[in-house]
Amino acid sequence: MIRLSVFDENQIKSIHEATLRVLSETGVVLRHTEGRTLLKEAGAILDHERILLPPGLVGQAVAQAPKTVTIRGRGGQSRILGDGELHWHNLGGARDVFDAKSGHKRPAVLQDVRDSARLLDALENESTITPFFTPTDVPG
């Protein structure tokens, strides 16, 4: 099996520690009442709509999380994430499109979402797909 390493162990540790600091000091905005209640009961700190996650709580949650997750597509295909295989997933949510025909940037529309989904679906090695664009011609 080929293993790609972008960061050394010290860099990974540094990123992990910085992430824990952001989660505990800045937290995340969570407006879902039940979610806030569950996290507060688990040991999170509620600061208005912001939830601060202490490092111990994050570590406990990571330790309890399954090492692999199976996801299934509409066609019945499944992928196991965490099995050591390399999976590809596109980023999504772009607001604008560069229109190659006109040479200009323009706001994304629903047809752009359709077209990009078809393209991504046709890629042999794409494991999962997120809508590539956020269309501006439909309600949020």
Foldseek 3Di string as FASTA:
>chain_A
DDDDDPDDPVVVVVVVVVVQCCLQPVAAFAPPVVVQVVQVVLPWDDDPRGTRDHPVSVVVVVVPDDQWDWDADPVGDIDIPNPPDDAAEDDAAAQWDQDPVVRHIDGAAPVQQVVVVVVLVPDPRHDDYDRHYDHPPDDD
